[in-house]
Amino acid sequence: MAWTKIAEYPVDSNLQQLHDYLQSQNVQHRITEQAGLQVLWLANPAQVSLVNTFFSSDSKGDLFRAGKPVVETGAEKGGGQTVRPSQLTFAQMLRLFPLTLVIIALGVLGYLIASVLNVASLESALRFLPFQVSVSKGEIWRLLTPTFLHYGSLHILFNSLWVWEFGRRIEVFAGKRGYLITFLIIAIAANFSQFFAISGNLFGGLSGVVYGFMGYLLVWGRFHKSPLVKMPSSIYIFFLVWLALGYSGLIDLFISGSVGNAAHLGGLIAGLIVATAEVLYFKHKVKPK
């Protein structure tokens, strides 16, 4: 049987409750000790969502963070094949990354509304409004919904690919609740930034979220050993160069419309802030008393 390495915890962590829970869910698992750490292995890596469910409460979530969970792509030495997202069924991906898939689906829906069906009235109702205005009109969703509007097939394709690449990592690493909060903060921050930069609400797209996710992974990648938050330096360089080119105005010469530079920068800063706040919080929580 192939076993996939899921997480590592300090040797003194009490994982009895986790063991009992996984047994109650009929999850084939084993906990071994290696190099002074307790290592959790699953026979079916798609069931990692059940591990995340167990650690969903605040107290258990602290253990999850303190234990530095490491979701691996390979199997234990001695057998098994590498498990990649492309080898998972859609049902397994839906269990593992439901929020990421929903975000992408909403982006596709926004693309259909804005660029294919051209439903002007609906598109207009989804554009950004400042906080006080959106509250007074009872349309609070306008703080978020521009994130899902896309103008052009390349626009939605590019954003969807990177939301998938970054988002599924954060969804497993941070858990569903943490991921949702992170997404909402980044998306709204990106929308506010773009609105005030252009003094208007004719904009949309998930690219601000993409930059925010990148910033989140950049920070956590420096403080956590999980491969989930480890990205090649070339990816960060690419996005930062693209950001600089956007502000230079060169990209606007080759595309219709204009790049949402303020959304990119606002999303990036929000992602950096969220991740930094989490690092400081969990560092304090696990500090020896």
C-alpha atoms as a PDB file:
ATOM      1  CA  MET A   1       0.000   0.000   0.000  1.00  0.00           C
ATOM      2  CA  ALA A   2       1.230   3.495  -0.873  1.00  0.00           C
ATOM      3  CA  TRP A   3       1.283   5.938   2.036  1.00  0.00           C
ATOM      4  CA  THR A   4       1.347   9.711   1.508  1.00  0.00           C
ATOM      5  CA  LYS A   5       3.036  11.976   4.045  1.00  0.00           C
ATOM      6  CA  ILE A   6       0.513  14.554   5.245  1.00  0.00           C
ATOM      7  CA  ALA A   7       1.902  16.350   8.292  1.00  0.00           C
ATOM      8  CA  GLU A   8       4.651  16.523  10.884  1.00  0.00           C
ATOM      9  CA  TYR A   9       4.104  17.384  14.560  1.00  0.00           C
ATOM     10  CA  PRO A  10       6.423  17.822  17.554  1.00  0.00           C
ATOM     11  CA  VAL A  11       7.255  14.530  19.220  1.00  0.00           C
ATOM     12  CA  ASP A  12       5.484  15.602  22.426  1.00  0.00           C
ATOM     13  CA  SER A  13       2.176  16.414  20.676  1.00  0.00           C
ATOM     14  CA  ASN A  14      -0.769  14.315  21.856  1.00  0.00           C
ATOM     15  CA  LEU A  15      -2.344  13.007  18.656  1.00  0.00           C
ATOM     16  CA  GLN A  16      -4.631  10.446  20.299  1.00  0.00           C
ATOM     17  CA  GLN A  17      -7.764  12.472  19.523  1.00  0.00           C
ATOM     18  CA  LEU A  18      -6.712  12.802  15.905  1.00  0.00           C
ATOM     19  CA  HIS A  19      -6.098   9.049  15.716  1.00  0.00           C
ATOM     20  CA  ASP A  20      -9.501   8.289  17.246  1.00  0.00           C
ATOM     21  CA  TYR A  21     -11.250  10.756  14.928  1.00  0.00           C
ATOM     22  CA  LEU A  22      -9.653   9.335  11.777  1.00  0.00           C
ATOM     23  CA  GLN A  23     -10.573   5.826  12.885  1.00  0.00           C
ATOM     24  CA  SER A  24     -14.177   6.911  13.398  1.00  0.00           C
ATOM     25  CA  GLN A  25     -14.177   8.267   9.830  1.00  0.00           C
ATOM     26  CA  ASN A  26     -12.717   5.019   8.449  1.00  0.00           C
ATOM     27  CA  VAL A  27      -9.595   6.838   7.271  1.00  0.00           C
ATOM     28  CA  GLN A  28      -6.644   4.504   6.779  1.00  0.00           C
ATOM     29  CA  HIS A  29      -3.720   6.222   8.467  1.00  0.00           C
ATOM     30  CA  ARG A  30      -0.565   5.684  10.448  1.00  0.00           C
ATOM     31  CA  ILE A  31       1.507   7.859  12.772  1.00  0.00           C
ATOM     32  CA  THR A  32       5.238   7.220  12.882  1.00  0.00           C
ATOM     33  CA  GLU A  33       8.172   8.886  14.604  1.00  0.00           C
ATOM     34  CA  GLN A  34      11.030  10.171  12.478  1.00  0.00           C
ATOM     35  CA  ALA A  35      13.888  12.507  13.338  1.00  0.00           C
ATOM     36  CA  GLY A  36      12.224  13.666  16.545  1.00  0.00           C
ATOM     37  CA  LEU A  37       8.868  14.326  14.895  1.00  0.00           C
ATOM     38  CA  GLN A  38       5.537  12.531  14.706  1.00  0.00           C
ATOM     39  CA  VAL A  39       4.573  11.984  11.080  1.00  0.00           C
ATOM     40  CA  LEU A  40       1.006  11.458   9.855  1.00  0.00           C
ATOM     41  CA  TRP A  41       0.510   9.321   6.732  1.00  0.00           C
ATOM     42  CA  LEU A  42      -2.702   8.666   4.804  1.00  0.00           C
ATOM     43  CA  ALA A  43      -3.434   5.815   2.409  1.00  0.00           C
ATOM     44  CA  ASN A  44      -5.684   8.166   0.408  1.00  0.00           C
ATOM     45  CA  PRO A  45      -4.300  11.747   0.220  1.00  0.00           C
ATOM     46  CA  ALA A  46      -7.691  13.049  -0.919  1.00  0.00           C
ATOM     47  CA  GLN A  47      -8.875  12.487   2.667  1.00  0.00           C
ATOM     48  CA  VAL A  48      -6.608  15.260   3.947  1.00  0.00           C
ATOM     49  CA  SER A  49      -9.767  17.389   4.108  1.00  0.00           C
ATOM     50  CA  LEU A  50     -10.868  15.265   7.088  1.00  0.00           C
ATOM     51  CA  VAL A  51      -7.627  16.153   8.855  1.00  0.00           C
ATOM     52  CA  ASN A  52      -8.385  19.827   8.223  1.00  0.00           C
ATOM     53  CA  THR A  53     -11.911  19.309   9.565  1.00  0.00           C
ATOM     54  CA  PHE A  54     -10.525  17.879  12.800  1.00  0.00           C
ATOM     55  CA  PHE A  55      -8.305  20.925  13.258  1.00  0.00           C
ATOM     56  CA  SER A  56     -11.057  23.415  12.454  1.00  0.00           C
ATOM     57  CA  SER A  57     -11.592  24.574  16.044  1.00  0.00           C
ATOM     58  CA  ASP A  58      -9.369  27.322  17.453  1.00  0.00           C
ATOM     59  CA  SER A  59      -7.516  25.167  19.971  1.00  0.00           C
ATOM     60  CA  LYS A  60      -6.851  22.356  17.524  1.00  0.00           C
ATOM     61  CA  GLY A  61      -6.006  24.868  14.837  1.00  0.00           C
ATOM     62  CA  ASP A  62      -3.177  26.141  17.036  1.00  0.00           C
ATOM     63  CA  LEU A  63      -1.749  22.641  17.247  1.00  0.00           C
ATOM     64  CA  PHE A  64      -2.083  22.326  13.492  1.00  0.00           C
ATOM     65  CA  ARG A  65      -0.062  25.510  13.008  1.00  0.00           C
ATOM     66  CA  ALA A  66       2.423  24.765  15.775  1.00  0.00           C
ATOM     67  CA  GLY A  67       2.978  21.293  14.403  1.00  0.00           C
ATOM     68  CA  LYS A  68       3.992  22.639  10.998  1.00  0.00           C
ATOM     69  CA  PRO A  69       1.797  20.386   8.835  1.00  0.00           C
ATOM     70  CA  VAL A  70       3.481  19.322   5.627  1.00  0.00           C
ATOM     71  CA  VAL A  71       1.265  18.064   2.824  1.00  0.00           C
ATOM     72  CA  GLU A  72       3.626  16.149   0.584  1.00  0.00           C
ATOM     73  CA  THR A  73       3.317  15.146  -3.056  1.00  0.00           C
ATOM     74  CA  GLY A  74       5.205  11.899  -2.718  1.00  0.00           C
ATOM     75  CA  ALA A  75       4.647   8.611  -0.923  1.00  0.00           C
ATOM     76  CA  GLU A  76       6.600   7.000   1.878  1.00  0.00           C
ATOM     77  CA  LYS A  77       9.851   5.392   0.837  1.00  0.00           C
ATOM     78  CA  GLY A  78       9.323   1.814  -0.186  1.00  0.00           C
ATOM     79  CA  GLY A  79       6.383   2.107  -2.522  1.00  0.00           C
ATOM     80  CA  GLY A  80       3.673   4.222  -4.047  1.00  0.00           C
ATOM     81  CA  GLN A  81       3.472   6.834  -6.743  1.00  0.00           C
ATOM     82  CA  THR A  82       3.564  10.587  -6.609  1.00  0.00           C
ATOM     83  CA  VAL A  83       0.127  12.090  -6.063  1.00  0.00           C
ATOM     84  CA  ARG A  84      -0.558  15.252  -8.067  1.00  0.00           C
ATOM     85  CA  PRO A  85      -3.753  17.305  -8.415  1.00  0.00           C
ATOM     86  CA  SER A  86      -4.016  16.121 -12.021  1.00  0.00           C
ATOM     87  CA  GLN A  87      -4.362  12.554 -10.727  1.00  0.00           C
ATOM     88  CA  LEU A  88      -7.308  13.415  -8.492  1.00  0.00           C
ATOM     89  CA  THR A  89     -10.874  12.997  -9.649  1.00  0.00           C
ATOM     90  CA  PHE A  90     -13.137  16.035  -9.782  1.00  0.00           C
ATOM     91  CA  ALA A  91     -15.009  14.736  -6.724  1.00  0.00           C
ATOM     92  CA  GLN A  92     -11.722  14.534  -4.799  1.00  0.00           C
ATOM     93  CA  MET A  93     -10.712  18.023  -5.901  1.00  0.00           C
ATOM     94  CA  LEU A  94     -14.126  19.302  -4.862  1.00  0.00           C
ATOM     95  CA  ARG A  95     -13.597  17.863  -1.375  1.00  0.00           C
ATOM     96  CA  LEU A  96     -10.056  19.206  -1.106  1.00  0.00           C
ATOM     97  CA  PHE A  97     -10.409  22.624  -2.746  1.00  0.00           C
ATOM     98  CA  PRO A  98     -14.127  23.564  -2.777  1.00  0.00           C
ATOM     99  CA  LEU A  99     -13.628  27.283  -2.107  1.00  0.00           C
ATOM    100  CA  THR A 100     -10.972  27.652  -4.794  1.00  0.00           C
ATOM    101  CA  LEU A 101     -13.231  25.972  -7.333  1.00  0.00           C
ATOM    102  CA  VAL A 102     -16.171  28.186  -6.295  1.00  0.00           C
ATOM    103  CA  ILE A 103     -14.042  31.332  -6.701  1.00  0.00           C
ATOM    104  CA  ILE A 104     -13.001  30.242 -10.202  1.00  0.00           C
ATOM    105  CA  ALA A 105     -16.591  29.340 -11.098  1.00  0.00           C
ATOM    106  CA  LEU A 106     -17.816  32.767  -9.969  1.00  0.00           C
ATOM    107  CA  GLY A 107     -15.074  34.357 -12.068  1.00  0.00           C
ATOM    108  CA  VAL A 108     -16.257  32.407 -15.110  1.00  0.00           C
ATOM    109  CA  LEU A 109     -19.830  33.506 -14.370  1.00  0.00           C
ATOM    110  CA  GLY A 110     -18.666  37.112 -14.150  1.00  0.00           C
ATOM    111  CA  TYR A 111     -16.914  36.687 -17.499  1.00  0.00           C
ATOM    112  CA  LEU A 112     -20.125  35.396 -19.078  1.00  0.00           C
ATOM    113  CA  ILE A 113     -22.115  38.323 -17.676  1.00  0.00           C
ATOM    114  CA  ALA A 114     -19.631  41.028 -18.673  1.00  0.00           C
ATOM    115  CA  SER A 115     -18.127  39.698 -21.896  1.00  0.00           C
ATOM    116  CA  VAL A 116     -20.372  37.051 -23.459  1.00  0.00           C
ATOM    117  CA  LEU A 117     -23.993  37.669 -22.537  1.00  0.00           C
ATOM    118  CA  ASN A 118     -23.458  41.422 -22.147  1.00  0.00           C
ATOM    119  CA  VAL A 119     -26.148  41.764 -19.497  1.00  0.00           C
ATOM    120  CA  ALA A 120     -25.500  45.462 -18.876  1.00  0.00           C
ATOM    121  CA  SER A 121     -28.047  45.866 -16.086  1.00  0.00           C
ATOM    122  CA  LEU A 122     -26.669  42.946 -14.119  1.00  0.00           C
ATOM    123  CA  GLU A 123     -23.079  43.965 -14.725  1.00  0.00           C
ATOM    124  CA  SER A 124     -23.851  47.454 -13.488  1.00  0.00           C
ATOM    125  CA  ALA A 125     -25.407  46.019 -10.320  1.00  0.00           C
ATOM    126  CA  LEU A 126     -22.172  44.131  -9.614  1.00  0.00           C
ATOM    127  CA  ARG A 127     -19.791  47.080  -9.947  1.00  0.00           C
ATOM    128  CA  PHE A 128     -18.045  48.566  -6.935  1.00  0.00           C
ATOM    129  CA  LEU A 129     -19.591  51.127  -4.611  1.00  0.00           C
ATOM    130  CA  PRO A 130     -17.867  52.682  -1.572  1.00  0.00           C
ATOM    131  CA  PHE A 131     -18.788  51.263   1.813  1.00  0.00           C
ATOM    132  CA  GLN A 132     -21.183  53.980   2.962  1.00  0.00           C
ATOM    133  CA  VAL A 133     -22.956  54.120  -0.388  1.00  0.00           C
ATOM    134  CA  SER A 134     -23.293  50.348  -0.708  1.00  0.00           C
ATOM    135  CA  VAL A 135     -24.652  50.103   2.842  1.00  0.00           C
ATOM    136  CA  SER A 136     -27.116  52.960   2.372  1.00  0.00           C
ATOM    137  CA  LYS A 137     -28.397  51.378  -0.853  1.00  0.00           C
ATOM    138  CA  GLY A 138     -28.549  47.915   0.756  1.00  0.00           C
ATOM    139  CA  GLU A 139     -26.082  46.593  -1.820  1.00  0.00           C
ATOM    140  CA  ILE A 140     -23.167  45.546   0.359  1.00  0.00           C
ATOM    141  CA  TRP A 141     -22.183  42.838  -2.142  1.00  0.00           C
ATOM    142  CA  ARG A 142     -20.754  45.563  -4.386  1.00  0.00           C
ATOM    143  CA  LEU A 143     -17.652  45.690  -2.175  1.00  0.00           C
ATOM    144  CA  LEU A 144     -16.767  42.195  -3.407  1.00  0.00           C
ATOM    145  CA  THR A 145     -18.489  41.400  -6.699  1.00  0.00           C
ATOM    146  CA  PRO A 146     -16.199  43.393  -9.049  1.00  0.00           C
ATOM    147  CA  THR A 147     -13.636  40.692  -8.228  1.00  0.00           C
ATOM    148  CA  PHE A 148     -15.606  38.248 -10.369  1.00  0.00           C
ATOM    149  CA  LEU A 149     -16.240  40.480 -13.408  1.00  0.00           C
ATOM    150  CA  HIS A 150     -13.868  39.699 -16.295  1.00  0.00           C
ATOM    151  CA  TYR A 151     -13.480  41.466 -19.621  1.00  0.00           C
ATOM    152  CA  GLY A 152     -12.010  39.078 -22.164  1.00  0.00           C
ATOM    153  CA  SER A 153     -11.184  35.395 -22.447  1.00  0.00           C
ATOM    154  CA  LEU A 154      -7.470  35.861 -21.707  1.00  0.00           C
ATOM    155  CA  HIS A 155      -8.395  37.859 -18.623  1.00  0.00           C
ATOM    156  CA  ILE A 156     -10.425  35.045 -17.054  1.00  0.00           C
ATOM    157  CA  LEU A 157      -8.063  32.309 -18.269  1.00  0.00           C
ATOM    158  CA  PHE A 158      -4.954  33.910 -16.770  1.00  0.00           C
ATOM    159  CA  ASN A 159      -6.638  34.701 -13.462  1.00  0.00           C
ATOM    160  CA  SER A 160      -8.283  31.286 -13.138  1.00  0.00           C
ATOM    161  CA  LEU A 161      -5.009  29.443 -13.691  1.00  0.00           C
ATOM    162  CA  TRP A 162      -3.218  31.410 -10.992  1.00  0.00           C
ATOM    163  CA  VAL A 163      -6.118  31.315  -8.534  1.00  0.00           C
ATOM    164  CA  TRP A 164      -6.021  27.543  -8.939  1.00  0.00           C
ATOM    165  CA  GLU A 165      -2.249  27.368  -8.475  1.00  0.00           C
ATOM    166  CA  PHE A 166      -2.092  29.663  -5.451  1.00  0.00           C
ATOM    167  CA  GLY A 167      -5.562  29.224  -3.980  1.00  0.00           C
ATOM    168  CA  ARG A 168      -5.590  25.453  -3.530  1.00  0.00           C
ATOM    169  CA  ARG A 169      -2.295  25.663  -1.648  1.00  0.00           C
ATOM    170  CA  ILE A 170      -3.647  28.256   0.759  1.00  0.00           C
ATOM    171  CA  GLU A 171      -6.969  26.438   1.158  1.00  0.00           C
ATOM    172  CA  VAL A 172      -5.240  23.308   2.458  1.00  0.00           C
ATOM    173  CA  PHE A 173      -2.588  25.209   4.416  1.00  0.00           C
ATOM    174  CA  ALA A 174      -4.847  27.748   6.132  1.00  0.00           C
ATOM    175  CA  GLY A 175      -8.040  25.694   6.310  1.00  0.00           C
ATOM    176  CA  LYS A 176     -11.415  26.650   4.902  1.00  0.00           C
ATOM    177  CA  ARG A 177     -12.248  29.429   7.360  1.00  0.00           C
ATOM    178  CA  GLY A 178      -8.802  31.014   7.244  1.00  0.00           C
ATOM    179  CA  TYR A 179      -8.790  30.814   3.462  1.00  0.00           C
ATOM    180  CA  LEU A 180     -12.213  32.445   3.129  1.00  0.00           C
ATOM    181  CA  ILE A 181     -11.256  35.302   5.458  1.00  0.00           C
ATOM    182  CA  THR A 182      -7.979  35.814   3.584  1.00  0.00           C
ATOM    183  CA  PHE A 183      -9.777  35.883   0.233  1.00  0.00           C
ATOM    184  CA  LEU A 184     -12.399  38.394   1.390  1.00  0.00           C
ATOM    185  CA  ILE A 185      -9.830  40.773   2.886  1.00  0.00           C
ATOM    186  CA  ILE A 186      -7.640  40.682  -0.220  1.00  0.00           C
ATOM    187  CA  ALA A 187     -10.513  40.988  -2.695  1.00  0.00           C
ATOM    188  CA  ILE A 188     -12.147  43.951  -0.957  1.00  0.00           C
ATOM    189  CA  ALA A 189      -8.791  45.683  -0.427  1.00  0.00           C
ATOM    190  CA  ALA A 190      -7.973  45.277  -4.124  1.00  0.00           C
ATOM    191  CA  ASN A 191     -11.364  46.694  -5.143  1.00  0.00           C
ATOM    192  CA  PHE A 192     -11.019  49.707  -2.837  1.00  0.00           C
ATOM    193  CA  SER A 193      -7.504  50.383  -4.150  1.00  0.00           C
ATOM    194  CA  GLN A 194      -8.597  50.327  -7.791  1.00  0.00           C
ATOM    195  CA  PHE A 195     -11.709  52.422  -7.161  1.00  0.00           C
ATOM    196  CA  PHE A 196      -9.809  55.240  -5.498  1.00  0.00           C
ATOM    197  CA  ALA A 197      -6.962  55.063  -8.031  1.00  0.00           C
ATOM    198  CA  ILE A 198      -9.173  55.584 -11.068  1.00  0.00           C
ATOM    199  CA  SER A 199     -12.031  57.470  -9.349  1.00  0.00           C
ATOM    200  CA  GLY A 200     -14.553  55.147 -10.936  1.00  0.00           C
ATOM    201  CA  ASN A 201     -15.990  51.650 -10.834  1.00  0.00           C
ATOM    202  CA  LEU A 202     -15.453  50.361 -14.367  1.00  0.00           C
ATOM    203  CA  PHE A 203     -13.048  47.566 -13.438  1.00  0.00           C
ATOM    204  CA  GLY A 204     -13.063  43.940 -12.419  1.00  0.00           C
ATOM    205  CA  GLY A 205     -11.106  40.733 -12.168  1.00  0.00           C
ATOM    206  CA  LEU A 206      -9.413  38.290  -9.846  1.00  0.00           C
ATOM    207  CA  SER A 207      -5.911  39.557 -10.558  1.00  0.00           C
ATOM    208  CA  GLY A 208      -5.816  41.569  -7.330  1.00  0.00           C
ATOM    209  CA  VAL A 209      -6.617  38.351  -5.478  1.00  0.00           C
ATOM    210  CA  VAL A 210      -3.876  36.549  -7.405  1.00  0.00           C
ATOM    211  CA  TYR A 211      -1.350  39.141  -6.255  1.00  0.00           C
ATOM    212  CA  GLY A 212      -2.683  38.916  -2.709  1.00  0.00           C
ATOM    213  CA  PHE A 213      -2.339  35.139  -2.689  1.00  0.00           C
ATOM    214  CA  MET A 214       1.192  35.512  -4.013  1.00  0.00           C
ATOM    215  CA  GLY A 215       2.045  37.910  -1.180  1.00  0.00           C
ATOM    216  CA  TYR A 216       0.510  35.536   1.352  1.00  0.00           C
ATOM    217  CA  LEU A 217       2.634  32.635   0.095  1.00  0.00           C
ATOM    218  CA  LEU A 218       5.736  34.816  -0.059  1.00  0.00           C
ATOM    219  CA  VAL A 219       5.520  35.615   3.659  1.00  0.00           C
ATOM    220  CA  TRP A 220       4.529  32.147   4.874  1.00  0.00           C
ATOM    221  CA  GLY A 221       7.159  30.562   2.641  1.00  0.00           C
ATOM    222  CA  ARG A 222       9.849  32.274   4.688  1.00  0.00           C
ATOM    223  CA  PHE A 223       8.509  31.121   8.048  1.00  0.00           C
ATOM    224  CA  HIS A 224       7.065  27.672   7.380  1.00  0.00           C
ATOM    225  CA  LYS A 225       8.606  24.536   5.917  1.00  0.00           C
ATOM    226  CA  SER A 226       5.425  23.205   4.294  1.00  0.00           C
ATOM    227  CA  PRO A 227       5.895  22.691   0.538  1.00  0.00           C
ATOM    228  CA  LEU A 228       2.393  24.107   0.170  1.00  0.00           C
ATOM    229  CA  VAL A 229       3.780  27.611   0.702  1.00  0.00           C
ATOM    230  CA  LYS A 230       7.060  27.113  -1.135  1.00  0.00           C
ATOM    231  CA  MET A 231       7.043  28.647  -4.606  1.00  0.00           C
ATOM    232  CA  PRO A 232       9.945  29.088  -7.057  1.00  0.00           C
ATOM    233  CA  SER A 233      11.557  32.521  -6.868  1.00  0.00           C
ATOM    234  CA  SER A 234      10.975  32.896 -10.612  1.00  0.00           C
ATOM    235  CA  ILE A 235       7.216  33.128 -10.024  1.00  0.00           C
ATOM    236  CA  TYR A 236       7.589  36.008  -7.573  1.00  0.00           C
ATOM    237  CA  ILE A 237       9.992  37.756  -9.955  1.00  0.00           C
ATOM    238  CA  PHE A 238       7.563  37.340 -12.856  1.00  0.00           C
ATOM    239  CA  PHE A 239       4.655  38.901 -10.968  1.00  0.00           C
ATOM    240  CA  LEU A 240       6.724  41.770  -9.574  1.00  0.00           C
ATOM    241  CA  VAL A 241       8.137  42.544 -13.029  1.00  0.00           C
ATOM    242  CA  TRP A 242       4.594  42.424 -14.449  1.00  0.00           C
ATOM    243  CA  LEU A 243       3.483  44.840 -11.740  1.00  0.00           C
ATOM    244  CA  ALA A 244       6.304  47.231 -12.630  1.00  0.00           C
ATOM    245  CA  LEU A 245       5.522  46.983 -16.345  1.00  0.00           C
ATOM    246  CA  GLY A 246       1.871  47.700 -15.585  1.00  0.00           C
ATOM    247  CA  TYR A 247       2.757  50.928 -13.805  1.00  0.00           C
ATOM    248  CA  SER A 248       5.101  51.874 -16.642  1.00  0.00           C
ATOM    249  CA  GLY A 249       2.162  51.848 -19.077  1.00  0.00           C
ATOM    250  CA  LEU A 250       3.844  49.463 -21.523  1.00  0.00           C
ATOM    251  CA  ILE A 251       1.285  46.692 -21.122  1.00  0.00           C
ATOM    252  CA  ASP A 252      -1.610  49.047 -21.916  1.00  0.00           C
ATOM    253  CA  LEU A 253      -0.109  49.560 -25.382  1.00  0.00           C
ATOM    254  CA  PHE A 254      -0.733  45.927 -26.292  1.00  0.00           C
ATOM    255  CA  ILE A 255      -4.137  45.232 -24.748  1.00  0.00           C
ATOM    256  CA  SER A 256      -7.612  46.666 -24.963  1.00  0.00           C
ATOM    257  CA  GLY A 257      -8.544  48.541 -21.835  1.00  0.00           C
ATOM    258  CA  SER A 258      -6.007  49.038 -19.065  1.00  0.00           C
ATOM    259  CA  VAL A 259      -4.296  46.975 -16.389  1.00  0.00           C
ATOM    260  CA  GLY A 260      -5.707  47.201 -12.857  1.00  0.00           C
ATOM    261  CA  ASN A 261      -2.382  48.234 -11.350  1.00  0.00           C
ATOM    262  CA  ALA A 262      -3.870  49.625  -8.146  1.00  0.00           C
ATOM    263  CA  ALA A 263      -5.849  46.420  -7.600  1.00  0.00           C
ATOM    264  CA  HIS A 264      -2.660  44.401  -8.059  1.00  0.00           C
ATOM    265  CA  LEU A 265      -0.726  46.521  -5.599  1.00  0.00           C
ATOM    266  CA  GLY A 266      -3.578  46.748  -3.103  1.00  0.00           C
ATOM    267  CA  GLY A 267      -4.146  43.001  -3.225  1.00  0.00           C
ATOM    268  CA  LEU A 268      -0.432  42.311  -2.823  1.00  0.00           C
ATOM    269  CA  ILE A 269      -0.145  44.569   0.216  1.00  0.00           C
ATOM    270  CA  ALA A 270      -3.260  43.019   1.765  1.00  0.00           C
ATOM    271  CA  GLY A 271      -1.868  39.509   1.270  1.00  0.00           C
ATOM    272  CA  LEU A 272       1.443  40.493   2.843  1.00  0.00           C
ATOM    273  CA  ILE A 273      -0.330  42.055   5.826  1.00  0.00           C
ATOM    274  CA  VAL A 274      -2.660  39.096   6.411  1.00  0.00           C
ATOM    275  CA  ALA A 275       0.173  36.572   6.286  1.00  0.00           C
ATOM    276  CA  THR A 276       2.431  38.704   8.503  1.00  0.00           C
ATOM    277  CA  ALA A 277      -0.348  39.066  11.066  1.00  0.00           C
ATOM    278  CA  GLU A 278      -0.876  35.292  11.053  1.00  0.00           C
ATOM    279  CA  VAL A 279       2.844  34.586  11.440  1.00  0.00           C
ATOM    280  CA  LEU A 280       3.092  36.947  14.406  1.00  0.00           C
ATOM    281  CA  TYR A 281      -0.090  35.546  15.970  1.00  0.00           C
ATOM    282  CA  PHE A 282       0.894  31.906  15.723  1.00  0.00           C
ATOM    283  CA  LYS A 283       4.474  32.642  16.742  1.00  0.00           C
ATOM    284  CA  HIS A 284       3.076  34.212  19.909  1.00  0.00           C
ATOM    285  CA  LYS A 285       0.619  31.345  20.476  1.00  0.00           C
ATOM    286  CA  VAL A 286       3.329  28.659  20.348  1.00  0.00           C
ATOM    287  CA  LYS A 287       5.905  30.640  22.330  1.00  0.00           C
ATOM    288  CA  PRO A 288       7.019  28.639  25.423  1.00  0.00           C
ATOM    289  CA  LYS A 289       5.496  29.951  28.629  1.00  0.00           C
END
